[in-house]
């Protein structure tokens, strides 16, 4: 295990390089090539897993090595593509001179987003700690429900990441009308997916849970389905929160997204300390919908005021 973790940790530099290259391409308006390279990397990763685990008998260490090699190849392919298709990005000695304002701007944007996501994850870890005391069936049900939840919120993550790039691009170009259109269409796409997700969960929620959870334990299935049916209707609020939070990040207003993330973390701590002891697992089910709604409304008000200020400037 230690060797596998060391391999993955050492490979973080490769992951960093690929993400940097891919995001440069996305910033240039090319989202297809990074996706194709990512798909090739994923397929290669699976192939190398079989080779190292079953062919060479390397076990977990082989899986870790396969992941790093696949990421390294994707980084190299992306680098070659950048050199050939985007010659204007070729670096010279003068490009490595440090400029205080540019460094400050990059750190403000990058560290802001990193801190925002870190705070949210810390809150989730705290909440999981509270769930762990509710028994194995609840833990199993929650794990199954969260796997489905993680899959169904992927479109929101994609929309949010797109808005950060698109809003910042058009802010730099001074095209404020395109910023407003991107927010409008991003929200509409998210609301459309929210509606589809609600229909899927209410019509086929049990079938989805049965793909993950044991079919012979009715309590696990019912608990997982109940979690999804309580949470998914609040995807409209979650979409609003994520989209507008990332819009503000793209506008260079990182304080509000970080503040909203801190509020979310504090609420999850309150849930563990005060809500779960009184309401049990139902307190877990309603915890995130409450904070999504409250934070979504707050961020929406601030986003509207910020956009109006930019429009007048």
C-alpha atoms as a PDB file:
ATOM      1  CA  UNK A   1       0.000   0.000   0.000  1.00  0.00           C
ATOM      2  CA  UNK A   2       2.819   2.402   0.921  1.00  0.00           C
ATOM      3  CA  UNK A   3       4.505   1.881  -2.452  1.00  0.00           C
ATOM      4  CA  UNK A   4       1.207   2.458  -4.277  1.00  0.00           C
ATOM      5  CA  UNK A   5       0.547   5.678  -2.365  1.00  0.00           C
ATOM      6  CA  UNK A   6       4.127   6.843  -2.979  1.00  0.00           C
ATOM      7  CA  UNK A   7       3.736   6.140  -6.700  1.00  0.00           C
ATOM      8  CA  UNK A   8       0.484   8.095  -6.896  1.00  0.00           C
ATOM      9  CA  UNK A   9       1.932  10.965  -4.870  1.00  0.00           C
ATOM     10  CA  UNK A  10       4.983  11.104  -7.137  1.00  0.00           C
ATOM     11  CA  UNK A  11       2.698  11.097 -10.150  1.00  0.00           C
ATOM     12  CA  UNK A  12       0.843  14.208  -8.988  1.00  0.00           C
ATOM     13  CA  UNK A  13       3.286  16.349 -10.991  1.00  0.00           C
ATOM     14  CA  UNK A  14       2.171  14.494 -14.128  1.00  0.00           C
ATOM     15  CA  UNK A  15      -1.483  15.129 -13.247  1.00  0.00           C
ATOM     16  CA  UNK A  16      -0.675  18.796 -12.699  1.00  0.00           C
ATOM     17  CA  UNK A  17       1.028  19.097 -16.089  1.00  0.00           C
ATOM     18  CA  UNK A  18      -1.847  17.409 -17.947  1.00  0.00           C
ATOM     19  CA  UNK A  19      -4.495  19.551 -16.230  1.00  0.00           C
ATOM     20  CA  UNK A  20      -2.479  22.681 -17.010  1.00  0.00           C
ATOM     21  CA  UNK A  21      -2.215  21.733 -20.694  1.00  0.00           C
ATOM     22  CA  UNK A  22      -5.860  20.694 -20.929  1.00  0.00           C
ATOM     23  CA  UNK A  23      -7.075  23.897 -19.325  1.00  0.00           C
ATOM     24  CA  UNK A  24      -4.917  25.975 -21.660  1.00  0.00           C
ATOM     25  CA  UNK A  25      -6.685  24.299 -24.579  1.00  0.00           C
ATOM     26  CA  UNK A  26     -10.094  24.869 -22.979  1.00  0.00           C
ATOM     27  CA  UNK A  27      -9.228  28.518 -22.422  1.00  0.00           C
ATOM     28  CA  UNK A  28      -8.526  28.718 -26.156  1.00  0.00           C
ATOM     29  CA  UNK A  29     -11.996  27.314 -26.838  1.00  0.00           C
ATOM     30  CA  UNK A  30     -10.940  23.731 -27.616  1.00  0.00           C
ATOM     31  CA  UNK A  31     -12.697  21.328 -25.246  1.00  0.00           C
ATOM     32  CA  UNK A  32     -12.816  18.368 -27.665  1.00  0.00           C
ATOM     33  CA  UNK A  33      -9.111  17.484 -27.818  1.00  0.00           C
ATOM     34  CA  UNK A  34      -8.651  17.340 -24.009  1.00  0.00           C
ATOM     35  CA  UNK A  35     -11.701  15.072 -23.838  1.00  0.00           C
ATOM     36  CA  UNK A  36     -10.357  12.742 -26.537  1.00  0.00           C
ATOM     37  CA  UNK A  37      -6.967  12.567 -24.829  1.00  0.00           C
ATOM     38  CA  UNK A  38      -8.678  11.870 -21.502  1.00  0.00           C
ATOM     39  CA  UNK A  39     -10.713   9.017 -23.022  1.00  0.00           C
ATOM     40  CA  UNK A  40      -7.566   7.518 -24.566  1.00  0.00           C
ATOM     41  CA  UNK A  41      -5.829   7.816 -21.192  1.00  0.00           C
ATOM     42  CA  UNK A  42      -8.710   6.074 -19.418  1.00  0.00           C
ATOM     43  CA  UNK A  43      -8.740   3.179 -21.900  1.00  0.00           C
ATOM     44  CA  UNK A  44      -4.958   2.889 -21.660  1.00  0.00           C
ATOM     45  CA  UNK A  45      -5.211   2.917 -17.872  1.00  0.00           C
ATOM     46  CA  UNK A  46      -7.601  -0.037 -17.913  1.00  0.00           C
ATOM     47  CA  UNK A  47      -5.340  -1.954 -20.297  1.00  0.00           C
ATOM     48  CA  UNK A  48      -2.269  -1.322 -18.164  1.00  0.00           C
ATOM     49  CA  UNK A  49      -4.219  -2.352 -15.052  1.00  0.00           C
ATOM     50  CA  UNK A  50      -4.847  -5.772 -16.573  1.00  0.00           C
ATOM     51  CA  UNK A  51      -1.222  -6.050 -17.693  1.00  0.00           C
ATOM     52  CA  UNK A  52       0.385  -5.079 -14.376  1.00  0.00           C
ATOM     53  CA  UNK A  53      -2.133  -6.717 -12.033  1.00  0.00           C
ATOM     54  CA  UNK A  54      -2.844  -9.999 -13.834  1.00  0.00           C
ATOM     55  CA  UNK A  55       0.095 -10.233 -16.228  1.00  0.00           C
ATOM     56  CA  UNK A  56       2.898  -9.189 -13.870  1.00  0.00           C
ATOM     57  CA  UNK A  57       1.114  -9.953 -10.579  1.00  0.00           C
ATOM     58  CA  UNK A  58       1.904  -6.528  -9.119  1.00  0.00           C
ATOM     59  CA  UNK A  59      -1.440  -6.046  -7.345  1.00  0.00           C
ATOM     60  CA  UNK A  60      -2.250  -2.579  -5.975  1.00  0.00           C
ATOM     61  CA  UNK A  61       1.238  -1.309  -6.802  1.00  0.00           C
ATOM     62  CA  UNK A  62       0.645  -2.218 -10.433  1.00  0.00           C
ATOM     63  CA  UNK A  63      -2.660  -0.354 -10.478  1.00  0.00           C
ATOM     64  CA  UNK A  64      -0.953   2.767  -9.135  1.00  0.00           C
ATOM     65  CA  UNK A  65       1.866   2.496 -11.683  1.00  0.00           C
ATOM     66  CA  UNK A  66      -0.658   2.010 -14.506  1.00  0.00           C
ATOM     67  CA  UNK A  67      -2.482   5.186 -13.481  1.00  0.00           C
ATOM     68  CA  UNK A  68       0.683   7.282 -13.450  1.00  0.00           C
ATOM     69  CA  UNK A  69       1.908   5.909 -16.804  1.00  0.00           C
ATOM     70  CA  UNK A  70      -1.475   6.584 -18.449  1.00  0.00           C
ATOM     71  CA  UNK A  71      -1.469  10.143 -17.107  1.00  0.00           C
ATOM     72  CA  UNK A  72       2.117  10.663 -18.259  1.00  0.00           C
ATOM     73  CA  UNK A  73       1.248   9.573 -21.793  1.00  0.00           C
ATOM     74  CA  UNK A  74      -1.793  11.872 -21.856  1.00  0.00           C
ATOM     75  CA  UNK A  75       0.403  14.786 -20.701  1.00  0.00           C
ATOM     76  CA  UNK A  76       2.963  14.060 -23.440  1.00  0.00           C
ATOM     77  CA  UNK A  77       0.285  13.774 -26.154  1.00  0.00           C
ATOM     78  CA  UNK A  78      -1.335  17.013 -25.008  1.00  0.00           C
ATOM     79  CA  UNK A  79       2.059  18.759 -24.983  1.00  0.00           C
ATOM     80  CA  UNK A  80       2.857  17.627 -28.533  1.00  0.00           C
ATOM     81  CA  UNK A  81      -0.556  18.819 -29.707  1.00  0.00           C
ATOM     82  CA  UNK A  82      -0.004  22.226 -28.101  1.00  0.00           C
ATOM     83  CA  UNK A  83       3.379  22.635 -29.800  1.00  0.00           C
ATOM     84  CA  UNK A  84       2.084  21.696 -33.249  1.00  0.00           C
ATOM     85  CA  UNK A  85      -1.336  23.348 -33.227  1.00  0.00           C
ATOM     86  CA  UNK A  86      -0.663  26.376 -31.044  1.00  0.00           C
ATOM     87  CA  UNK A  87       2.810  27.653 -32.010  1.00  0.00           C
ATOM     88  CA  UNK A  88       2.017  31.070 -30.516  1.00  0.00           C
ATOM     89  CA  UNK A  89       2.207  29.402 -27.086  1.00  0.00           C
ATOM     90  CA  UNK A  90       5.874  28.507 -27.552  1.00  0.00           C
ATOM     91  CA  UNK A  91       7.792  29.736 -24.518  1.00  0.00           C
ATOM     92  CA  UNK A  92      10.980  31.781 -24.598  1.00  0.00           C
ATOM     93  CA  UNK A  93      13.434  32.894 -21.942  1.00  0.00           C
ATOM     94  CA  UNK A  94      11.619  36.178 -21.439  1.00  0.00           C
ATOM     95  CA  UNK A  95       8.407  34.347 -20.560  1.00  0.00           C
ATOM     96  CA  UNK A  96       9.993  33.018 -17.371  1.00  0.00           C
ATOM     97  CA  UNK A  97      10.515  36.467 -15.895  1.00  0.00           C
ATOM     98  CA  UNK A  98       8.329  36.884 -12.835  1.00  0.00           C
ATOM     99  CA  UNK A  99       5.770  39.679 -12.739  1.00  0.00           C
ATOM    100  CA  UNK A 100       4.225  40.436  -9.373  1.00  0.00           C
ATOM    101  CA  UNK A 101       0.759  41.417 -10.576  1.00  0.00           C
ATOM    102  CA  UNK A 102       0.382  38.339 -12.784  1.00  0.00           C
ATOM    103  CA  UNK A 103       1.517  36.022  -9.991  1.00  0.00           C
ATOM    104  CA  UNK A 104      -0.857  37.740  -7.575  1.00  0.00           C
ATOM    105  CA  UNK A 105      -3.755  37.339 -10.015  1.00  0.00           C
ATOM    106  CA  UNK A 106      -3.012  33.655 -10.645  1.00  0.00           C
ATOM    107  CA  UNK A 107      -2.674  32.861  -6.951  1.00  0.00           C
ATOM    108  CA  UNK A 108      -5.842  34.768  -6.074  1.00  0.00           C
ATOM    109  CA  UNK A 109      -7.822  32.759  -8.629  1.00  0.00           C
ATOM    110  CA  UNK A 110      -6.186  29.371  -8.170  1.00  0.00           C
ATOM    111  CA  UNK A 111      -5.863  29.370  -4.396  1.00  0.00           C
ATOM    112  CA  UNK A 112      -9.392  30.703  -4.082  1.00  0.00           C
ATOM    113  CA  UNK A 113     -10.836  27.765  -6.005  1.00  0.00           C
ATOM    114  CA  UNK A 114      -8.574  25.272  -4.215  1.00  0.00           C
ATOM    115  CA  UNK A 115      -9.604  26.619  -0.822  1.00  0.00           C
ATOM    116  CA  UNK A 116     -13.269  26.603  -1.828  1.00  0.00           C
ATOM    117  CA  UNK A 117     -13.250  22.928  -2.816  1.00  0.00           C
ATOM    118  CA  UNK A 118     -11.059  21.936   0.156  1.00  0.00           C
ATOM    119  CA  UNK A 119     -13.460  23.524   2.625  1.00  0.00           C
ATOM    120  CA  UNK A 120     -16.419  21.707   1.061  1.00  0.00           C
ATOM    121  CA  UNK A 121     -14.555  18.372   1.250  1.00  0.00           C
ATOM    122  CA  UNK A 122     -13.598  18.954   4.884  1.00  0.00           C
ATOM    123  CA  UNK A 123     -17.267  19.477   5.683  1.00  0.00           C
ATOM    124  CA  UNK A 124     -18.161  16.246   3.891  1.00  0.00           C
ATOM    125  CA  UNK A 125     -15.557  14.342   5.923  1.00  0.00           C
ATOM    126  CA  UNK A 126     -17.007  15.745   9.153  1.00  0.00           C
ATOM    127  CA  UNK A 127     -20.510  14.773   8.050  1.00  0.00           C
ATOM    128  CA  UNK A 128     -19.337  11.251   7.180  1.00  0.00           C
ATOM    129  CA  UNK A 129     -17.927  10.949  10.701  1.00  0.00           C
ATOM    130  CA  UNK A 130     -21.403  11.593  12.076  1.00  0.00           C
ATOM    131  CA  UNK A 131     -22.930   9.022   9.725  1.00  0.00           C
ATOM    132  CA  UNK A 132     -20.439   6.370  10.826  1.00  0.00           C
ATOM    133  CA  UNK A 133     -22.110   6.223  14.226  1.00  0.00           C
ATOM    134  CA  UNK A 134     -25.529   5.303  12.814  1.00  0.00           C
ATOM    135  CA  UNK A 135     -24.817   1.629  12.103  1.00  0.00           C
ATOM    136  CA  UNK A 136     -23.577  -0.494   9.211  1.00  0.00           C
ATOM    137  CA  UNK A 137     -26.881  -0.571   7.312  1.00  0.00           C
ATOM    138  CA  UNK A 138     -27.098   3.226   7.282  1.00  0.00           C
ATOM    139  CA  UNK A 139     -23.455   3.482   6.226  1.00  0.00           C
ATOM    140  CA  UNK A 140     -24.029   1.013   3.373  1.00  0.00           C
ATOM    141  CA  UNK A 141     -27.190   2.806   2.264  1.00  0.00           C
ATOM    142  CA  UNK A 142     -25.532   6.211   2.380  1.00  0.00           C
ATOM    143  CA  UNK A 143     -22.520   4.927   0.440  1.00  0.00           C
ATOM    144  CA  UNK A 144     -24.764   3.504  -2.287  1.00  0.00           C
ATOM    145  CA  UNK A 145     -26.847   6.686  -2.490  1.00  0.00           C
ATOM    146  CA  UNK A 146     -23.775   8.918  -2.634  1.00  0.00           C
ATOM    147  CA  UNK A 147     -22.338   6.931  -5.539  1.00  0.00           C
ATOM    148  CA  UNK A 148     -25.500   7.649  -7.531  1.00  0.00           C
ATOM    149  CA  UNK A 149     -25.490  11.232  -6.258  1.00  0.00           C
ATOM    150  CA  UNK A 150     -21.872  11.717  -7.400  1.00  0.00           C
ATOM    151  CA  UNK A 151     -22.778  10.487 -10.866  1.00  0.00           C
ATOM    152  CA  UNK A 152     -25.894  12.639 -11.202  1.00  0.00           C
ATOM    153  CA  UNK A 153     -24.166  15.905 -10.209  1.00  0.00           C
ATOM    154  CA  UNK A 154     -21.434  15.543 -12.843  1.00  0.00           C
ATOM    155  CA  UNK A 155     -23.306  17.817 -15.294  1.00  0.00           C
ATOM    156  CA  UNK A 156     -23.364  20.556 -12.637  1.00  0.00           C
ATOM    157  CA  UNK A 157     -19.613  20.240 -12.142  1.00  0.00           C
ATOM    158  CA  UNK A 158     -19.069  20.458 -15.905  1.00  0.00           C
ATOM    159  CA  UNK A 159     -21.313  23.510 -16.254  1.00  0.00           C
ATOM    160  CA  UNK A 160     -19.593  25.233 -13.327  1.00  0.00           C
ATOM    161  CA  UNK A 161     -16.102  24.580 -14.688  1.00  0.00           C
ATOM    162  CA  UNK A 162     -17.212  25.876 -18.085  1.00  0.00           C
ATOM    163  CA  UNK A 163     -18.646  29.049 -16.571  1.00  0.00           C
ATOM    164  CA  UNK A 164     -15.388  29.861 -14.777  1.00  0.00           C
ATOM    165  CA  UNK A 165     -13.484  29.677 -18.071  1.00  0.00           C
ATOM    166  CA  UNK A 166     -16.113  31.320 -20.269  1.00  0.00           C
ATOM    167  CA  UNK A 167     -16.880  34.175 -17.877  1.00  0.00           C
ATOM    168  CA  UNK A 168     -13.206  35.001 -17.293  1.00  0.00           C
ATOM    169  CA  UNK A 169     -12.501  34.862 -21.049  1.00  0.00           C
ATOM    170  CA  UNK A 170     -15.268  37.295 -21.898  1.00  0.00           C
ATOM    171  CA  UNK A 171     -14.502  39.517 -18.931  1.00  0.00           C
ATOM    172  CA  UNK A 172     -10.997  39.956 -20.331  1.00  0.00           C
ATOM    173  CA  UNK A 173     -12.423  40.605 -23.793  1.00  0.00           C
ATOM    174  CA  UNK A 174     -14.922  43.128 -22.428  1.00  0.00           C
ATOM    175  CA  UNK A 175     -17.897  41.188 -23.843  1.00  0.00           C
ATOM    176  CA  UNK A 176     -20.347  41.515 -20.967  1.00  0.00           C
ATOM    177  CA  UNK A 177     -23.370  40.424 -23.041  1.00  0.00           C
ATOM    178  CA  UNK A 178     -21.756  37.039 -23.616  1.00  0.00           C
ATOM    179  CA  UNK A 179     -21.191  36.669 -19.874  1.00  0.00           C
ATOM    180  CA  UNK A 180     -24.889  37.166 -19.208  1.00  0.00           C
ATOM    181  CA  UNK A 181     -25.832  34.713 -21.954  1.00  0.00           C
ATOM    182  CA  UNK A 182     -23.441  32.070 -20.631  1.00  0.00           C
ATOM    183  CA  UNK A 183     -24.942  32.367 -17.145  1.00  0.00           C
ATOM    184  CA  UNK A 184     -28.461  32.150 -18.547  1.00  0.00           C
ATOM    185  CA  UNK A 185     -27.791  29.092 -20.697  1.00  0.00           C
ATOM    186  CA  UNK A 186     -25.694  27.429 -17.998  1.00  0.00           C
ATOM    187  CA  UNK A 187     -28.510  27.763 -15.475  1.00  0.00           C
ATOM    188  CA  UNK A 188     -31.132  26.559 -17.976  1.00  0.00           C
ATOM    189  CA  UNK A 189     -29.105  23.477 -18.896  1.00  0.00           C
ATOM    190  CA  UNK A 190     -28.630  22.724 -15.202  1.00  0.00           C
ATOM    191  CA  UNK A 191     -32.341  23.133 -14.469  1.00  0.00           C
ATOM    192  CA  UNK A 192     -33.138  20.851 -17.395  1.00  0.00           C
ATOM    193  CA  UNK A 193     -30.823  18.177 -16.024  1.00  0.00           C
ATOM    194  CA  UNK A 194     -32.337  18.688 -12.546  1.00  0.00           C
ATOM    195  CA  UNK A 195     -35.782  17.915 -13.933  1.00  0.00           C
ATOM    196  CA  UNK A 196     -34.502  14.804 -15.701  1.00  0.00           C
ATOM    197  CA  UNK A 197     -32.669  13.664 -12.547  1.00  0.00           C
ATOM    198  CA  UNK A 198     -35.849  14.039 -10.456  1.00  0.00           C
ATOM    199  CA  UNK A 199     -37.812  11.921 -12.940  1.00  0.00           C
ATOM    200  CA  UNK A 200     -35.104   9.244 -13.053  1.00  0.00           C
ATOM    201  CA  UNK A 201     -34.796   8.996  -9.266  1.00  0.00           C
ATOM    202  CA  UNK A 202     -38.532   8.888  -8.608  1.00  0.00           C
ATOM    203  CA  UNK A 203     -39.241   6.406 -11.402  1.00  0.00           C
ATOM    204  CA  UNK A 204     -36.128   4.230 -11.284  1.00  0.00           C
ATOM    205  CA  UNK A 205     -34.454   5.077  -7.962  1.00  0.00           C
ATOM    206  CA  UNK A 206     -34.797   1.583  -6.560  1.00  0.00           C
ATOM    207  CA  UNK A 207     -33.374  -0.006  -9.703  1.00  0.00           C
ATOM    208  CA  UNK A 208     -30.372   2.348  -9.526  1.00  0.00           C
ATOM    209  CA  UNK A 209     -29.711   1.448  -5.890  1.00  0.00           C
ATOM    210  CA  UNK A 210     -30.014  -2.277  -6.648  1.00  0.00           C
ATOM    211  CA  UNK A 211     -27.112  -1.913  -9.089  1.00  0.00           C
ATOM    212  CA  UNK A 212     -24.893  -1.093  -6.091  1.00  0.00           C
ATOM    213  CA  UNK A 213     -26.538  -2.288  -2.875  1.00  0.00           C
ATOM    214  CA  UNK A 214     -27.330  -5.908  -1.871  1.00  0.00           C
ATOM    215  CA  UNK A 215     -30.786  -6.936  -3.060  1.00  0.00           C
ATOM    216  CA  UNK A 216     -31.543  -8.992   0.070  1.00  0.00           C
ATOM    217  CA  UNK A 217     -31.413  -6.064   2.515  1.00  0.00           C
ATOM    218  CA  UNK A 218     -34.610  -4.042   2.274  1.00  0.00           C
ATOM    219  CA  UNK A 219     -33.543  -1.468   4.870  1.00  0.00           C
ATOM    220  CA  UNK A 220     -30.436  -0.482   2.894  1.00  0.00           C
ATOM    221  CA  UNK A 221     -32.398  -0.159  -0.348  1.00  0.00           C
ATOM    222  CA  UNK A 222     -35.242   1.874   1.168  1.00  0.00           C
ATOM    223  CA  UNK A 223     -32.873   4.168   3.074  1.00  0.00           C
ATOM    224  CA  UNK A 224     -30.755   4.870  -0.022  1.00  0.00           C
ATOM    225  CA  UNK A 225     -33.812   5.544  -2.192  1.00  0.00           C
ATOM    226  CA  UNK A 226     -35.267   7.826   0.480  1.00  0.00           C
ATOM    227  CA  UNK A 227     -31.998   9.815   0.613  1.00  0.00           C
ATOM    228  CA  UNK A 228     -32.067  10.317  -3.144  1.00  0.00           C
ATOM    229  CA  UNK A 229     -35.731  11.303  -3.228  1.00  0.00           C
ATOM    230  CA  UNK A 230     -35.168  13.947  -0.557  1.00  0.00           C
ATOM    231  CA  UNK A 231     -31.957  15.366  -2.069  1.00  0.00           C
ATOM    232  CA  UNK A 232     -32.482  15.284  -5.833  1.00  0.00           C
ATOM    233  CA  UNK A 233     -35.471  17.714  -5.958  1.00  0.00           C
ATOM    234  CA  UNK A 234     -33.095  20.309  -4.469  1.00  0.00           C
ATOM    235  CA  UNK A 235     -30.766  20.008  -7.466  1.00  0.00           C
ATOM    236  CA  UNK A 236     -32.327  23.243  -8.726  1.00  0.00           C
ATOM    237  CA  UNK A 237     -30.851  25.026  -5.695  1.00  0.00           C
ATOM    238  CA  UNK A 238     -27.553  23.148  -6.026  1.00  0.00           C
ATOM    239  CA  UNK A 239     -27.274  24.112  -9.696  1.00  0.00           C
ATOM    240  CA  UNK A 240     -27.900  27.753  -8.828  1.00  0.00           C
ATOM    241  CA  UNK A 241     -25.297  27.668  -6.062  1.00  0.00           C
ATOM    242  CA  UNK A 242     -22.559  25.959  -8.095  1.00  0.00           C
ATOM    243  CA  UNK A 243     -23.129  27.939 -11.296  1.00  0.00           C
ATOM    244  CA  UNK A 244     -23.248  31.375  -9.677  1.00  0.00           C
ATOM    245  CA  UNK A 245     -20.430  30.575  -7.267  1.00  0.00           C
ATOM    246  CA  UNK A 246     -18.189  29.725 -10.208  1.00  0.00           C
ATOM    247  CA  UNK A 247     -19.460  32.754 -12.126  1.00  0.00           C
ATOM    248  CA  UNK A 248     -18.250  34.974  -9.293  1.00  0.00           C
ATOM    249  CA  UNK A 249     -14.956  33.114  -9.318  1.00  0.00           C
ATOM    250  CA  UNK A 250     -14.635  33.818 -13.049  1.00  0.00           C
ATOM    251  CA  UNK A 251     -15.340  37.494 -12.384  1.00  0.00           C
ATOM    252  CA  UNK A 252     -12.429  37.556  -9.945  1.00  0.00           C
ATOM    253  CA  UNK A 253     -14.671  37.730  -6.866  1.00  0.00           C
ATOM    254  CA  UNK A 254     -13.284  34.798  -4.885  1.00  0.00           C
ATOM    255  CA  UNK A 255     -14.266  35.987  -1.398  1.00  0.00           C
ATOM    256  CA  UNK A 256     -17.973  35.146  -1.781  1.00  0.00           C
ATOM    257  CA  UNK A 257     -17.420  31.566  -3.093  1.00  0.00           C
ATOM    258  CA  UNK A 258     -14.990  30.887  -0.239  1.00  0.00           C
ATOM    259  CA  UNK A 259     -17.409  32.411   2.270  1.00  0.00           C
ATOM    260  CA  UNK A 260     -20.271  30.246   0.956  1.00  0.00           C
ATOM    261  CA  UNK A 261     -18.056  27.160   1.251  1.00  0.00           C
ATOM    262  CA  UNK A 262     -17.160  28.037   4.851  1.00  0.00           C
ATOM    263  CA  UNK A 263     -20.860  28.428   5.700  1.00  0.00           C
ATOM    264  CA  UNK A 264     -21.511  25.015   4.128  1.00  0.00           C
ATOM    265  CA  UNK A 265     -18.745  23.429   6.202  1.00  0.00           C
ATOM    266  CA  UNK A 266     -20.017  25.028   9.435  1.00  0.00           C
ATOM    267  CA  UNK A 267     -23.545  23.795   8.730  1.00  0.00           C
ATOM    268  CA  UNK A 268     -22.280  20.226   8.248  1.00  0.00           C
ATOM    269  CA  UNK A 269     -20.494  20.441  11.593  1.00  0.00           C
ATOM    270  CA  UNK A 270     -23.746  21.683  13.178  1.00  0.00           C
ATOM    271  CA  UNK A 271     -25.549  18.760  11.549  1.00  0.00           C
ATOM    272  CA  UNK A 272     -23.182  16.264  13.174  1.00  0.00           C
ATOM    273  CA  UNK A 273     -23.248  17.952  16.581  1.00  0.00           C
ATOM    274  CA  UNK A 274     -26.902  18.971  16.887  1.00  0.00           C
ATOM    275  CA  UNK A 275     -29.123  17.632  14.093  1.00  0.00           C
ATOM    276  CA  UNK A 276     -28.120  13.952  13.777  1.00  0.00           C
ATOM    277  CA  UNK A 277     -28.468  13.236  17.528  1.00  0.00           C
ATOM    278  CA  UNK A 278     -32.071  14.487  17.370  1.00  0.00           C
ATOM    279  CA  UNK A 279     -33.244  13.493  13.869  1.00  0.00           C
ATOM    280  CA  UNK A 280     -30.991  10.527  13.113  1.00  0.00           C
ATOM    281  CA  UNK A 281     -30.336   9.783   9.445  1.00  0.00           C
ATOM    282  CA  UNK A 282     -33.204  12.048   8.384  1.00  0.00           C
ATOM    283  CA  UNK A 283     -31.039  14.920   9.633  1.00  0.00           C
ATOM    284  CA  UNK A 284     -28.338  13.808   7.183  1.00  0.00           C
ATOM    285  CA  UNK A 285     -30.861  13.670   4.335  1.00  0.00           C
ATOM    286  CA  UNK A 286     -32.093  17.226   4.881  1.00  0.00           C
ATOM    287  CA  UNK A 287     -28.736  18.746   5.800  1.00  0.00           C
ATOM    288  CA  UNK A 288     -27.399  19.461   2.315  1.00  0.00           C
ATOM    289  CA  UNK A 289     -30.733  20.560   0.777  1.00  0.00           C
ATOM    290  CA  UNK A 290     -31.051  23.179   3.527  1.00  0.00           C
ATOM    291  CA  UNK A 291     -27.578  24.607   2.968  1.00  0.00           C
ATOM    292  CA  UNK A 292     -27.882  24.409  -0.844  1.00  0.00           C
ATOM    293  CA  UNK A 293     -31.065  26.475  -0.691  1.00  0.00           C
ATOM    294  CA  UNK A 294     -29.782  29.041   1.810  1.00  0.00           C
ATOM    295  CA  UNK A 295     -26.378  29.449   0.146  1.00  0.00           C
ATOM    296  CA  UNK A 296     -27.935  29.439  -3.331  1.00  0.00           C
ATOM    297  CA  UNK A 297     -30.230  32.344  -2.439  1.00  0.00           C
ATOM    298  CA  UNK A 298     -27.385  34.289  -0.825  1.00  0.00           C
ATOM    299  CA  UNK A 299     -24.993  33.757  -3.738  1.00  0.00           C
ATOM    300  CA  UNK A 300     -27.745  34.600  -6.245  1.00  0.00           C
ATOM    301  CA  UNK A 301     -28.377  37.985  -4.585  1.00  0.00           C
ATOM    302  CA  UNK A 302     -24.657  38.780  -4.489  1.00  0.00           C
ATOM    303  CA  UNK A 303     -24.159  37.609  -8.094  1.00  0.00           C
ATOM    304  CA  UNK A 304     -26.994  39.850  -9.338  1.00  0.00           C
ATOM    305  CA  UNK A 305     -25.536  42.868  -7.540  1.00  0.00           C
ATOM    306  CA  UNK A 306     -22.029  42.074  -8.823  1.00  0.00           C
ATOM    307  CA  UNK A 307     -23.219  41.730 -12.420  1.00  0.00           C
ATOM    308  CA  UNK A 308     -25.105  45.014 -12.228  1.00  0.00           C
ATOM    309  CA  UNK A 309     -21.983  46.720 -10.879  1.00  0.00           C
ATOM    310  CA  UNK A 310     -19.899  45.331 -13.752  1.00  0.00           C
ATOM    311  CA  UNK A 311     -22.531  46.420 -16.277  1.00  0.00           C
ATOM    312  CA  UNK A 312     -22.510  49.998 -14.988  1.00  0.00           C
ATOM    313  CA  UNK A 313     -18.698  50.193 -14.876  1.00  0.00           C
END
